[in-house]
Amino acid sequence: MSELTPDLLLRAYSAGIFPMGETREDPTLYWVEPDKRGIIELDAFHLPRRLARTVRNGPFEVDCDRDFAAVIAGCAAPRPGHPESWINRTIVELYGTLFEQGHVHTVECRLGGELVGGLYGVSIGAAFFGESMFGTARDASKVALAHLVARLIRGGYALLDCQFVTDHLRQFGTIDLPRAAYRRRLAAAVSGSATFYRELGGSDVCATLAQATTQTS
């Protein structure tokens, strides 16, 4: 691809396209536009009962936008069954710039001050594009996702893009949208406005998710 700038990257997301790397060590990128796009309906997020207890009372200290470099490093690190990563140096640099500009946000889970899980994504208008998550402690990535969804609801977001449906994401109610349907949802969301909601406790997360689901049931 031609030289990829942060501005071009934002325009690509707004058009339904995102970049990935081949390997962690290969600096080149390629464009991706899936035939079906994974999304989480913000008003239909499934929070399992056991996970709700962990979100409400569990051991994690959860905050946002504190250490992007550590979060993306955690996402790119080798893990069981996934020794390779599409997050290369070019991705780290580009999204680091977008983080400094306020277009990328993180949710971070810590135990005793140590980062043990988190996620990051791109924010444009009322759309949030989840990029990657990781967890080195049980439930850390799941707690981060629950916190993300609640924050997006509180902030008035209309779309949470997950790129692809995985078994891990399916348990939370992630669905596939055909490309044409996704583009319609995307166009409406990126033209809207929302605020990334940083301050939210575990009990507030559970209450927010329960209220959003009840209102649509």
N, C-alpha and C. Protein backbone atom coordinates (compact mmCIF):
# COMPACT_ATOMS: atom_id res chain seq x y z
N MET A 1 0.84 -1.18 0.00
CA MET A 1 0.00 0.00 0.00
C MET A 1 0.88 1.24 0.00
N SER A 2 0.30 2.40 -0.42
CA SER A 2 1.03 3.65 -0.38
C SER A 2 1.25 4.04 1.08
N GLU A 3 2.08 5.07 1.29
CA GLU A 3 2.38 5.47 2.66
C GLU A 3 1.11 5.76 3.43
N LEU A 4 0.98 5.12 4.56
CA LEU A 4 -0.24 5.22 5.37
C LEU A 4 -0.03 6.25 6.46
N THR A 5 -0.85 7.29 6.45
CA THR A 5 -0.79 8.34 7.45
C THR A 5 -1.96 8.18 8.42
N PRO A 6 -1.88 8.79 9.59
CA PRO A 6 -3.03 8.74 10.52
C PRO A 6 -4.32 9.26 9.90
N ASP A 7 -4.24 10.32 9.12
CA ASP A 7 -5.45 10.88 8.50
C ASP A 7 -6.04 9.90 7.50
N LEU A 8 -5.20 9.28 6.68
CA LEU A 8 -5.68 8.28 5.72
C LEU A 8 -6.30 7.09 6.46
N LEU A 9 -5.71 6.72 7.57
CA LEU A 9 -6.23 5.61 8.36
C LEU A 9 -7.64 5.91 8.86
N LEU A 10 -7.87 7.11 9.34
CA LEU A 10 -9.21 7.49 9.81
C LEU A 10 -10.22 7.49 8.66
N ARG A 11 -9.80 7.96 7.50
CA ARG A 11 -10.71 7.96 6.34
C ARG A 11 -11.03 6.53 5.89
N ALA A 12 -10.04 5.64 6.00
CA ALA A 12 -10.28 4.25 5.65
C ALA A 12 -11.30 3.61 6.59
N TYR A 13 -11.14 3.84 7.90
CA TYR A 13 -12.11 3.31 8.85
C TYR A 13 -13.51 3.83 8.56
N SER A 14 -13.62 5.09 8.21
CA SER A 14 -14.92 5.69 7.92
C SER A 14 -15.57 5.09 6.68
N ALA A 15 -14.74 4.47 5.83
CA ALA A 15 -15.24 3.82 4.62
C ALA A 15 -15.40 2.31 4.80
N GLY A 16 -15.09 1.80 5.99
CA GLY A 16 -15.28 0.37 6.26
C GLY A 16 -14.06 -0.49 6.01
N ILE A 17 -12.88 0.11 5.93
CA ILE A 17 -11.65 -0.60 5.62
C ILE A 17 -10.66 -0.41 6.76
N PHE A 18 -9.87 -1.43 7.05
CA PHE A 18 -8.85 -1.30 8.09
C PHE A 18 -7.60 -2.05 7.66
N PRO A 19 -6.43 -1.70 8.22
CA PRO A 19 -5.18 -2.35 7.84
C PRO A 19 -4.78 -3.45 8.81
N MET A 20 -4.01 -4.40 8.34
CA MET A 20 -3.39 -5.43 9.17
C MET A 20 -1.99 -5.70 8.65
N GLY A 21 -1.14 -6.20 9.52
CA GLY A 21 0.19 -6.61 9.11
C GLY A 21 0.23 -8.11 8.85
N GLU A 22 1.22 -8.55 8.10
CA GLU A 22 1.37 -9.98 7.84
C GLU A 22 1.90 -10.71 9.07
N THR A 23 2.97 -10.16 9.66
CA THR A 23 3.57 -10.75 10.84
C THR A 23 4.08 -9.63 11.74
N ARG A 24 4.46 -9.99 12.94
CA ARG A 24 4.98 -9.02 13.90
C ARG A 24 6.25 -8.34 13.37
N GLU A 25 7.07 -9.07 12.63
CA GLU A 25 8.36 -8.54 12.18
C GLU A 25 8.30 -7.88 10.81
N ASP A 26 7.26 -8.14 10.04
CA ASP A 26 7.13 -7.56 8.70
C ASP A 26 6.44 -6.20 8.82
N PRO A 27 7.09 -5.12 8.39
CA PRO A 27 6.52 -3.78 8.59
C PRO A 27 5.41 -3.42 7.60
N THR A 28 5.19 -4.24 6.56
CA THR A 28 4.19 -3.89 5.55
C THR A 28 2.78 -4.17 6.05
N LEU A 29 1.81 -3.47 5.45
CA LEU A 29 0.41 -3.60 5.80
C LEU A 29 -0.41 -3.89 4.57
N TYR A 30 -1.62 -4.42 4.77
CA TYR A 30 -2.56 -4.61 3.68
C TYR A 30 -3.96 -4.21 4.16
N TRP A 31 -4.82 -3.82 3.21
CA TRP A 31 -6.17 -3.39 3.54
C TRP A 31 -7.11 -4.58 3.67
N VAL A 32 -8.06 -4.48 4.58
CA VAL A 32 -9.04 -5.54 4.80
C VAL A 32 -10.44 -4.93 4.80
N GLU A 33 -11.35 -5.56 4.05
CA GLU A 33 -12.78 -5.20 4.10
C GLU A 33 -13.58 -6.50 4.04
N PRO A 34 -13.91 -7.08 5.18
CA PRO A 34 -14.58 -8.39 5.20
C PRO A 34 -15.95 -8.35 4.53
N ASP A 35 -16.34 -9.49 3.94
CA ASP A 35 -17.69 -9.61 3.39
C ASP A 35 -18.74 -9.50 4.49
N LYS A 36 -18.41 -10.04 5.67
CA LYS A 36 -19.29 -9.92 6.83
C LYS A 36 -18.50 -9.29 7.96
N ARG A 37 -19.14 -8.38 8.65
CA ARG A 37 -18.45 -7.62 9.71
C ARG A 37 -19.04 -7.97 11.06
N GLY A 38 -18.17 -8.28 12.02
CA GLY A 38 -18.62 -8.58 13.36
C GLY A 38 -18.91 -7.30 14.14
N ILE A 39 -20.08 -7.23 14.74
CA ILE A 39 -20.41 -6.09 15.59
C ILE A 39 -21.07 -6.59 16.87
N ILE A 40 -20.96 -5.79 17.93
CA ILE A 40 -21.70 -6.04 19.15
C ILE A 40 -22.78 -4.97 19.25
N GLU A 41 -24.03 -5.40 19.28
CA GLU A 41 -25.13 -4.46 19.48
C GLU A 41 -25.04 -3.96 20.93
N LEU A 42 -24.88 -2.68 21.09
CA LEU A 42 -24.63 -2.14 22.43
C LEU A 42 -25.81 -2.35 23.37
N ASP A 43 -27.00 -2.47 22.83
CA ASP A 43 -28.17 -2.68 23.68
C ASP A 43 -28.54 -4.15 23.82
N ALA A 44 -27.63 -5.04 23.38
CA ALA A 44 -27.90 -6.47 23.48
C ALA A 44 -26.67 -7.24 23.94
N PHE A 45 -25.76 -6.56 24.62
CA PHE A 45 -24.54 -7.21 25.10
C PHE A 45 -24.91 -8.23 26.18
N HIS A 46 -24.41 -9.46 26.02
CA HIS A 46 -24.70 -10.51 27.00
C HIS A 46 -23.60 -10.57 28.04
N LEU A 47 -23.94 -10.26 29.28
CA LEU A 47 -23.00 -10.30 30.38
C LEU A 47 -23.33 -11.51 31.25
N PRO A 48 -22.55 -12.61 31.14
CA PRO A 48 -22.84 -13.79 31.95
C PRO A 48 -22.83 -13.47 33.43
N ARG A 49 -23.63 -14.22 34.18
CA ARG A 49 -23.82 -13.91 35.60
C ARG A 49 -22.50 -13.97 36.38
N ARG A 50 -21.70 -14.99 36.11
CA ARG A 50 -20.44 -15.10 36.84
C ARG A 50 -19.52 -13.93 36.52
N LEU A 51 -19.48 -13.54 35.25
CA LEU A 51 -18.64 -12.41 34.87
C LEU A 51 -19.16 -11.12 35.48
N ALA A 52 -20.47 -10.99 35.59
CA ALA A 52 -21.04 -9.79 36.21
C ALA A 52 -20.55 -9.64 37.65
N ARG A 53 -20.47 -10.76 38.36
CA ARG A 53 -19.97 -10.70 39.74
C ARG A 53 -18.51 -10.23 39.76
N THR A 54 -17.72 -10.70 38.78
CA THR A 54 -16.32 -10.28 38.72
C THR A 54 -16.21 -8.80 38.37
N VAL A 55 -17.04 -8.34 37.45
CA VAL A 55 -17.03 -6.93 37.08
C VAL A 55 -17.39 -6.07 38.28
N ARG A 56 -18.39 -6.53 39.04
CA ARG A 56 -18.90 -5.73 40.16
C ARG A 56 -17.97 -5.78 41.37
N ASN A 57 -17.45 -6.96 41.67
CA ASN A 57 -16.73 -7.15 42.93
C ASN A 57 -15.32 -7.70 42.77
N GLY A 58 -14.89 -7.89 41.53
CA GLY A 58 -13.65 -8.62 41.29
C GLY A 58 -12.40 -7.84 41.66
N PRO A 59 -11.25 -8.44 41.40
CA PRO A 59 -10.00 -7.89 41.91
C PRO A 59 -9.38 -6.80 41.05
N PHE A 60 -9.95 -6.52 39.87
CA PHE A 60 -9.26 -5.67 38.91
C PHE A 60 -9.47 -4.18 39.18
N GLU A 61 -8.39 -3.44 39.01
CA GLU A 61 -8.47 -1.98 38.92
C GLU A 61 -8.59 -1.66 37.43
N VAL A 62 -9.68 -1.00 37.04
CA VAL A 62 -9.92 -0.74 35.62
C VAL A 62 -9.89 0.76 35.36
N ASP A 63 -9.10 1.15 34.39
CA ASP A 63 -9.11 2.55 33.97
C ASP A 63 -8.87 2.63 32.47
N CYS A 64 -8.80 3.83 31.95
CA CYS A 64 -8.72 4.04 30.50
C CYS A 64 -7.60 5.01 30.14
N ASP A 65 -7.04 4.80 28.95
CA ASP A 65 -6.11 5.74 28.33
C ASP A 65 -4.90 6.07 29.21
N ARG A 66 -4.48 5.11 30.00
CA ARG A 66 -3.35 5.34 30.91
C ARG A 66 -2.02 4.94 30.30
N ASP A 67 -1.99 3.84 29.54
CA ASP A 67 -0.71 3.35 29.00
C ASP A 67 -0.96 2.60 27.70
N PHE A 68 -1.13 3.36 26.61
CA PHE A 68 -1.40 2.74 25.31
C PHE A 68 -0.26 1.81 24.90
N ALA A 69 0.99 2.24 25.10
CA ALA A 69 2.13 1.43 24.67
C ALA A 69 2.11 0.05 25.30
N ALA A 70 1.78 -0.01 26.60
CA ALA A 70 1.75 -1.31 27.28
C ALA A 70 0.58 -2.16 26.79
N VAL A 71 -0.55 -1.54 26.49
CA VAL A 71 -1.71 -2.29 26.01
C VAL A 71 -1.44 -2.91 24.65
N ILE A 72 -0.93 -2.12 23.71
CA ILE A 72 -0.71 -2.67 22.37
C ILE A 72 0.42 -3.70 22.40
N ALA A 73 1.39 -3.52 23.29
CA ALA A 73 2.44 -4.54 23.45
C ALA A 73 1.85 -5.84 23.96
N GLY A 74 0.91 -5.74 24.91
CA GLY A 74 0.24 -6.94 25.42
C GLY A 74 -0.58 -7.63 24.35
N CYS A 75 -1.24 -6.84 23.50
CA CYS A 75 -2.03 -7.41 22.41
C CYS A 75 -1.16 -8.11 21.38
N ALA A 76 0.05 -7.59 21.17
CA ALA A 76 0.94 -8.15 20.14
C ALA A 76 1.79 -9.31 20.65
N ALA A 77 1.81 -9.52 21.97
CA ALA A 77 2.68 -10.55 22.54
C ALA A 77 2.21 -11.95 22.15
N PRO A 78 3.13 -12.89 22.00
CA PRO A 78 2.73 -14.28 21.71
C PRO A 78 1.87 -14.83 22.85
N ARG A 79 0.92 -15.70 22.48
CA ARG A 79 0.06 -16.35 23.47
C ARG A 79 -0.16 -17.79 23.04
N PRO A 80 -0.58 -18.66 23.94
CA PRO A 80 -0.79 -20.07 23.58
C PRO A 80 -1.72 -20.21 22.37
N GLY A 81 -1.25 -20.93 21.38
CA GLY A 81 -2.04 -21.13 20.17
C GLY A 81 -1.94 -20.01 19.16
N HIS A 82 -1.34 -18.88 19.55
CA HIS A 82 -1.20 -17.73 18.65
C HIS A 82 0.19 -17.12 18.82
N PRO A 83 1.20 -17.79 18.30
CA PRO A 83 2.56 -17.28 18.46
C PRO A 83 2.84 -16.03 17.63
N GLU A 84 2.07 -15.83 16.55
CA GLU A 84 2.31 -14.71 15.65
C GLU A 84 1.27 -13.62 15.90
N SER A 85 1.53 -12.42 15.38
CA SER A 85 0.61 -11.29 15.54
C SER A 85 0.61 -10.45 14.28
N TRP A 86 -0.56 -9.84 13.98
CA TRP A 86 -0.65 -8.91 12.85
C TRP A 86 -0.25 -7.49 13.28
N ILE A 87 0.03 -7.30 14.57
CA ILE A 87 0.41 -5.98 15.08
C ILE A 87 1.92 -5.82 14.93
N ASN A 88 2.33 -5.06 13.92
CA ASN A 88 3.76 -4.86 13.67
C ASN A 88 4.18 -3.44 14.07
N ARG A 89 5.41 -3.10 13.80
CA ARG A 89 5.93 -1.80 14.21
C ARG A 89 5.15 -0.66 13.57
N THR A 90 4.76 -0.82 12.31
CA THR A 90 4.00 0.22 11.62
C THR A 90 2.67 0.46 12.31
N ILE A 91 1.98 -0.61 12.68
CA ILE A 91 0.71 -0.49 13.40
C ILE A 91 0.94 0.24 14.73
N VAL A 92 1.94 -0.16 15.47
CA VAL A 92 2.22 0.46 16.77
C VAL A 92 2.43 1.96 16.62
N GLU A 93 3.20 2.36 15.62
CA GLU A 93 3.51 3.78 15.44
C GLU A 93 2.28 4.57 14.99
N LEU A 94 1.52 4.04 14.05
CA LEU A 94 0.35 4.74 13.54
C LEU A 94 -0.71 4.92 14.63
N TYR A 95 -1.00 3.84 15.33
CA TYR A 95 -2.05 3.92 16.34
C TYR A 95 -1.57 4.68 17.57
N GLY A 96 -0.27 4.70 17.79
CA GLY A 96 0.28 5.54 18.84
C GLY A 96 0.03 7.01 18.55
N THR A 97 0.20 7.41 17.31
CA THR A 97 -0.09 8.78 16.91
C THR A 97 -1.57 9.10 17.07
N LEU A 98 -2.43 8.16 16.66
CA LEU A 98 -3.87 8.37 16.81
C LEU A 98 -4.26 8.45 18.28
N PHE A 99 -3.57 7.71 19.13
CA PHE A 99 -3.83 7.80 20.57
C PHE A 99 -3.49 9.19 21.08
N GLU A 100 -2.35 9.71 20.66
CA GLU A 100 -1.95 11.06 21.07
C GLU A 100 -2.94 12.11 20.57
N GLN A 101 -3.57 11.85 19.43
CA GLN A 101 -4.55 12.78 18.87
C GLN A 101 -5.94 12.62 19.47
N GLY A 102 -6.14 11.58 20.29
CA GLY A 102 -7.44 11.36 20.92
C GLY A 102 -8.39 10.49 20.12
N HIS A 103 -7.88 9.85 19.06
CA HIS A 103 -8.73 8.99 18.22
C HIS A 103 -8.66 7.51 18.63
N VAL A 104 -7.72 7.15 19.47
CA VAL A 104 -7.60 5.78 19.98
C VAL A 104 -7.76 5.81 21.49
N HIS A 105 -8.50 4.81 22.01
CA HIS A 105 -8.71 4.71 23.45
C HIS A 105 -8.38 3.29 23.92
N THR A 106 -8.03 3.19 25.18
CA THR A 106 -7.76 1.89 25.79
C THR A 106 -8.66 1.68 27.00
N VAL A 107 -8.89 0.41 27.33
CA VAL A 107 -9.43 0.01 28.62
C VAL A 107 -8.41 -0.94 29.22
N GLU A 108 -8.01 -0.70 30.46
CA GLU A 108 -6.88 -1.41 31.06
C GLU A 108 -7.27 -2.04 32.40
N CYS A 109 -6.89 -3.29 32.59
CA CYS A 109 -7.15 -4.01 33.84
C CYS A 109 -5.82 -4.30 34.54
N ARG A 110 -5.76 -3.96 35.82
CA ARG A 110 -4.54 -4.18 36.60
C ARG A 110 -4.82 -4.96 37.87
N LEU A 111 -3.81 -5.71 38.29
CA LEU A 111 -3.81 -6.39 39.58
C LEU A 111 -2.57 -5.95 40.33
N GLY A 112 -2.75 -5.35 41.49
CA GLY A 112 -1.60 -4.88 42.24
C GLY A 112 -0.73 -3.92 41.47
N GLY A 113 -1.34 -3.13 40.59
CA GLY A 113 -0.59 -2.17 39.79
C GLY A 113 -0.02 -2.71 38.50
N GLU A 114 -0.10 -4.03 38.29
CA GLU A 114 0.45 -4.66 37.08
C GLU A 114 -0.64 -4.82 36.03
N LEU A 115 -0.35 -4.40 34.80
CA LEU A 115 -1.29 -4.55 33.70
C LEU A 115 -1.44 -6.03 33.35
N VAL A 116 -2.67 -6.56 33.45
CA VAL A 116 -2.90 -7.98 33.19
C VAL A 116 -3.95 -8.20 32.10
N GLY A 117 -4.44 -7.14 31.50
CA GLY A 117 -5.41 -7.29 30.43
C GLY A 117 -5.88 -5.94 29.95
N GLY A 118 -6.43 -5.93 28.74
CA GLY A 118 -6.93 -4.68 28.21
C GLY A 118 -7.26 -4.79 26.74
N LEU A 119 -7.65 -3.67 26.18
CA LEU A 119 -8.01 -3.59 24.77
C LEU A 119 -7.78 -2.17 24.28
N TYR A 120 -7.77 -2.02 22.95
CA TYR A 120 -7.70 -0.68 22.38
C TYR A 120 -8.55 -0.66 21.11
N GLY A 121 -8.93 0.56 20.70
CA GLY A 121 -9.72 0.71 19.49
C GLY A 121 -9.74 2.14 19.03
N VAL A 122 -10.32 2.34 17.86
CA VAL A 122 -10.37 3.64 17.19
C VAL A 122 -11.77 4.23 17.35
N SER A 123 -11.82 5.53 17.65
CA SER A 123 -13.09 6.23 17.82
C SER A 123 -13.24 7.29 16.75
N ILE A 124 -14.36 7.21 16.00
CA ILE A 124 -14.69 8.22 14.99
C ILE A 124 -16.17 8.52 15.12
N GLY A 125 -16.52 9.75 15.42
CA GLY A 125 -17.93 10.10 15.58
C GLY A 125 -18.55 9.28 16.69
N ALA A 126 -19.63 8.56 16.35
CA ALA A 126 -20.29 7.68 17.31
C ALA A 126 -20.00 6.22 17.01
N ALA A 127 -18.88 5.96 16.33
CA ALA A 127 -18.46 4.59 16.02
C ALA A 127 -17.17 4.28 16.77
N PHE A 128 -17.10 3.06 17.32
CA PHE A 128 -15.87 2.60 17.95
C PHE A 128 -15.46 1.30 17.29
N PHE A 129 -14.20 1.24 16.86
CA PHE A 129 -13.68 0.09 16.14
C PHE A 129 -12.71 -0.66 17.05
N GLY A 130 -13.16 -1.76 17.64
CA GLY A 130 -12.31 -2.54 18.51
C GLY A 130 -11.21 -3.21 17.71
N GLU A 131 -9.98 -3.06 18.13
CA GLU A 131 -8.85 -3.58 17.37
C GLU A 131 -8.31 -4.89 17.93
N SER A 132 -7.97 -4.91 19.20
CA SER A 132 -7.39 -6.12 19.77
C SER A 132 -7.54 -6.06 21.29
N MET A 133 -7.49 -7.25 21.92
CA MET A 133 -7.54 -7.34 23.38
C MET A 133 -6.61 -8.45 23.83
N PHE A 134 -6.26 -8.41 25.11
CA PHE A 134 -5.42 -9.47 25.66
C PHE A 134 -5.73 -9.62 27.15
N GLY A 135 -5.33 -10.75 27.70
CA GLY A 135 -5.47 -10.97 29.12
C GLY A 135 -4.46 -12.02 29.58
N THR A 136 -3.74 -11.71 30.64
CA THR A 136 -2.81 -12.67 31.22
C THR A 136 -3.32 -13.18 32.57
N ALA A 137 -4.45 -12.65 33.02
CA ALA A 137 -5.12 -13.13 34.22
C ALA A 137 -6.55 -13.51 33.85
N ARG A 138 -7.11 -14.48 34.54
CA ARG A 138 -8.44 -14.96 34.23
C ARG A 138 -9.45 -13.82 34.21
N ASP A 139 -10.22 -13.76 33.14
CA ASP A 139 -11.33 -12.82 32.96
C ASP A 139 -10.89 -11.39 32.70
N ALA A 140 -9.61 -11.10 32.65
CA ALA A 140 -9.18 -9.71 32.50
C ALA A 140 -9.67 -9.10 31.19
N SER A 141 -9.54 -9.82 30.08
CA SER A 141 -9.98 -9.27 28.80
C SER A 141 -11.50 -9.15 28.75
N LYS A 142 -12.20 -10.08 29.38
CA LYS A 142 -13.66 -10.03 29.41
C LYS A 142 -14.16 -8.84 30.22
N VAL A 143 -13.50 -8.59 31.35
CA VAL A 143 -13.86 -7.43 32.17
C VAL A 143 -13.61 -6.14 31.39
N ALA A 144 -12.50 -6.08 30.67
CA ALA A 144 -12.20 -4.91 29.86
C ALA A 144 -13.27 -4.69 28.81
N LEU A 145 -13.75 -5.76 28.17
CA LEU A 145 -14.78 -5.63 27.16
C LEU A 145 -16.09 -5.14 27.77
N ALA A 146 -16.48 -5.69 28.92
CA ALA A 146 -17.71 -5.23 29.58
C ALA A 146 -17.61 -3.75 29.92
N HIS A 147 -16.46 -3.33 30.42
CA HIS A 147 -16.26 -1.92 30.74
C HIS A 147 -16.35 -1.07 29.48
N LEU A 148 -15.76 -1.55 28.37
CA LEU A 148 -15.82 -0.80 27.12
C LEU A 148 -17.26 -0.58 26.69
N VAL A 149 -18.04 -1.66 26.66
CA VAL A 149 -19.42 -1.55 26.19
C VAL A 149 -20.21 -0.57 27.05
N ALA A 150 -20.07 -0.66 28.36
CA ALA A 150 -20.79 0.26 29.24
C ALA A 150 -20.36 1.70 29.00
N ARG A 151 -19.09 1.93 28.80
CA ARG A 151 -18.61 3.28 28.54
C ARG A 151 -19.14 3.82 27.22
N LEU A 152 -19.21 2.97 26.21
CA LEU A 152 -19.75 3.41 24.92
C LEU A 152 -21.23 3.74 25.04
N ILE A 153 -21.96 2.94 25.78
CA ILE A 153 -23.39 3.23 25.99
C ILE A 153 -23.56 4.58 26.69
N ARG A 154 -22.81 4.77 27.77
CA ARG A 154 -22.89 6.02 28.52
C ARG A 154 -22.51 7.22 27.65
N GLY A 155 -21.57 7.01 26.74
CA GLY A 155 -21.07 8.12 25.92
C GLY A 155 -21.88 8.40 24.68
N GLY A 156 -22.92 7.58 24.40
CA GLY A 156 -23.77 7.83 23.25
C GLY A 156 -23.29 7.26 21.93
N TYR A 157 -22.45 6.22 21.97
CA TYR A 157 -22.01 5.58 20.74
C TYR A 157 -23.14 4.77 20.11
N ALA A 158 -23.06 4.60 18.78
CA ALA A 158 -24.08 3.88 18.04
C ALA A 158 -23.59 2.57 17.44
N LEU A 159 -22.26 2.38 17.37
CA LEU A 159 -21.71 1.20 16.70
C LEU A 159 -20.45 0.74 17.41
N LEU A 160 -20.37 -0.56 17.69
CA LEU A 160 -19.14 -1.19 18.17
C LEU A 160 -18.74 -2.26 17.16
N ASP A 161 -17.73 -1.95 16.38
CA ASP A 161 -17.22 -2.83 15.34
C ASP A 161 -16.16 -3.75 15.94
N CYS A 162 -16.33 -5.06 15.74
CA CYS A 162 -15.36 -6.05 16.24
C CYS A 162 -14.57 -6.70 15.11
N GLN A 163 -14.76 -6.24 13.89
CA GLN A 163 -14.09 -6.76 12.70
C GLN A 163 -14.55 -8.16 12.35
N PHE A 164 -14.21 -9.16 13.16
CA PHE A 164 -14.57 -10.54 12.87
C PHE A 164 -15.25 -11.17 14.10
N VAL A 165 -16.18 -12.07 13.85
CA VAL A 165 -16.80 -12.82 14.95
C VAL A 165 -15.89 -13.99 15.30
N THR A 166 -15.52 -14.08 16.56
CA THR A 166 -14.73 -15.21 17.06
C THR A 166 -15.54 -15.93 18.13
N ASP A 167 -15.12 -17.14 18.48
CA ASP A 167 -15.81 -17.87 19.54
C ASP A 167 -15.79 -17.07 20.84
N HIS A 168 -14.68 -16.41 21.10
CA HIS A 168 -14.57 -15.61 22.32
C HIS A 168 -15.60 -14.49 22.34
N LEU A 169 -15.78 -13.81 21.20
CA LEU A 169 -16.71 -12.69 21.14
C LEU A 169 -18.16 -13.14 21.00
N ARG A 170 -18.38 -14.31 20.41
CA ARG A 170 -19.74 -14.78 20.19
C ARG A 170 -20.52 -14.95 21.49
N GLN A 171 -19.82 -15.31 22.57
CA GLN A 171 -20.50 -15.54 23.84
C GLN A 171 -21.13 -14.26 24.40
N PHE A 172 -20.70 -13.11 23.90
CA PHE A 172 -21.25 -11.85 24.36
C PHE A 172 -22.34 -11.31 23.44
N GLY A 173 -22.69 -12.09 22.42
CA GLY A 173 -23.76 -11.69 21.52
C GLY A 173 -23.29 -11.04 20.24
N THR A 174 -22.01 -11.19 19.91
CA THR A 174 -21.49 -10.62 18.67
C THR A 174 -22.16 -11.26 17.46
N ILE A 175 -22.53 -10.44 16.48
CA ILE A 175 -23.21 -10.93 15.28
C ILE A 175 -22.46 -10.49 14.03
N ASP A 176 -22.77 -11.16 12.92
CA ASP A 176 -22.23 -10.79 11.61
C ASP A 176 -23.21 -9.89 10.88
N LEU A 177 -22.70 -8.84 10.25
CA LEU A 177 -23.51 -8.02 9.36
C LEU A 177 -22.95 -8.12 7.95
N PRO A 178 -23.79 -8.35 6.95
CA PRO A 178 -23.31 -8.30 5.57
C PRO A 178 -22.74 -6.92 5.25
N ARG A 179 -21.84 -6.87 4.29
CA ARG A 179 -21.11 -5.63 4.02
C ARG A 179 -22.04 -4.44 3.76
N ALA A 180 -23.08 -4.61 2.96
CA ALA A 180 -23.96 -3.49 2.64
C ALA A 180 -24.67 -2.97 3.89
N ALA A 181 -25.15 -3.87 4.72
CA ALA A 181 -25.82 -3.47 5.95
C ALA A 181 -24.85 -2.77 6.89
N TYR A 182 -23.63 -3.30 6.96
CA TYR A 182 -22.62 -2.68 7.80
C TYR A 182 -22.30 -1.27 7.33
N ARG A 183 -22.17 -1.08 6.05
CA ARG A 183 -21.85 0.25 5.53
C ARG A 183 -22.92 1.26 5.88
N ARG A 184 -24.19 0.86 5.85
CA ARG A 184 -25.27 1.77 6.23
C ARG A 184 -25.15 2.16 7.70
N ARG A 185 -24.91 1.17 8.56
CA ARG A 185 -24.76 1.45 9.98
C ARG A 185 -23.54 2.34 10.22
N LEU A 186 -22.47 2.05 9.50
CA LEU A 186 -21.22 2.79 9.66
C LEU A 186 -21.40 4.26 9.28
N ALA A 187 -22.03 4.51 8.14
CA ALA A 187 -22.21 5.88 7.67
C ALA A 187 -22.98 6.72 8.69
N ALA A 188 -24.02 6.13 9.27
CA ALA A 188 -24.80 6.86 10.27
C ALA A 188 -23.98 7.11 11.52
N ALA A 189 -23.17 6.12 11.93
CA ALA A 189 -22.43 6.23 13.18
C ALA A 189 -21.29 7.25 13.07
N VAL A 190 -20.50 7.21 12.01
CA VAL A 190 -19.35 8.11 11.92
C VAL A 190 -19.78 9.56 11.74
N SER A 191 -21.00 9.78 11.27
CA SER A 191 -21.49 11.15 11.13
C SER A 191 -22.10 11.68 12.43
N GLY A 192 -22.23 10.81 13.42
CA GLY A 192 -22.77 11.22 14.71
C GLY A 192 -21.68 11.72 15.64
N SER A 193 -22.04 11.92 16.89
CA SER A 193 -21.07 12.38 17.88
C SER A 193 -21.25 11.60 19.18
N ALA A 194 -20.16 11.36 19.87
CA ALA A 194 -20.19 10.62 21.12
C ALA A 194 -18.97 11.01 21.94
N THR A 195 -19.00 10.65 23.21
CA THR A 195 -17.90 10.94 24.13
C THR A 195 -17.42 9.65 24.76
N PHE A 196 -16.13 9.40 24.71
CA PHE A 196 -15.60 8.20 25.35
C PHE A 196 -15.65 8.40 26.85
N TYR A 197 -16.42 7.56 27.54
CA TYR A 197 -16.72 7.71 28.96
C TYR A 197 -15.63 7.01 29.77
N ARG A 198 -14.77 7.78 30.44
CA ARG A 198 -13.60 7.20 31.09
C ARG A 198 -13.87 6.73 32.52
N GLU A 199 -14.70 7.44 33.25
CA GLU A 199 -14.87 7.14 34.68
C GLU A 199 -16.13 6.31 34.90
N LEU A 200 -15.96 5.06 35.33
CA LEU A 200 -17.10 4.18 35.56
C LEU A 200 -16.68 3.02 36.44
N GLY A 201 -17.36 2.84 37.58
CA GLY A 201 -17.05 1.75 38.48
C GLY A 201 -17.74 0.46 38.07
N GLY A 202 -17.34 -0.65 38.69
CA GLY A 202 -17.88 -1.96 38.33
C GLY A 202 -19.38 -2.06 38.49
N SER A 203 -19.92 -1.55 39.58
CA SER A 203 -21.37 -1.60 39.80
C SER A 203 -22.10 -0.78 38.75
N ASP A 204 -21.52 0.37 38.37
CA ASP A 204 -22.13 1.20 37.33
C ASP A 204 -22.10 0.50 35.98
N VAL A 205 -21.04 -0.25 35.72
CA VAL A 205 -20.96 -1.01 34.46
C VAL A 205 -22.12 -2.00 34.38
N CYS A 206 -22.32 -2.78 35.42
CA CYS A 206 -23.38 -3.78 35.43
C CYS A 206 -24.75 -3.13 35.30
N ALA A 207 -24.96 -2.03 36.00
CA ALA A 207 -26.24 -1.34 35.94
C ALA A 207 -26.49 -0.77 34.54
N THR A 208 -25.46 -0.22 33.94
CA THR A 208 -25.60 0.34 32.59
C THR A 208 -25.95 -0.73 31.57
N LEU A 209 -25.26 -1.86 31.64
CA LEU A 209 -25.54 -2.95 30.69
C LEU A 209 -26.93 -3.54 30.92
N ALA A 210 -27.32 -3.70 32.16
CA ALA A 210 -28.66 -4.25 32.46
C ALA A 210 -29.75 -3.30 31.98
N GLN A 211 -29.57 -2.02 32.19
CA GLN A 211 -30.57 -1.04 31.78
C GLN A 211 -30.71 -0.99 30.26
N ALA A 212 -29.58 -1.03 29.55
CA ALA A 212 -29.62 -0.98 28.09
C ALA A 212 -30.33 -2.18 27.52
N THR A 213 -30.08 -3.36 28.11
CA THR A 213 -30.73 -4.59 27.63
C THR A 213 -32.22 -4.58 27.94
N THR A 214 -32.60 -4.12 29.12
CA THR A 214 -34.00 -4.08 29.53
C THR A 214 -34.81 -3.17 28.63
N GLN A 215 -34.24 -2.05 28.23
CA GLN A 215 -34.95 -1.07 27.41
C GLN A 215 -35.28 -1.61 26.02
N THR A 216 -34.57 -2.64 25.56
CA THR A 216 -34.81 -3.17 24.22
C THR A 216 -35.47 -4.54 24.24
N SER A 217 -35.75 -5.08 25.44
CA SER A 217 -36.33 -6.42 25.52
C SER A 217 -37.85 -6.35 25.48
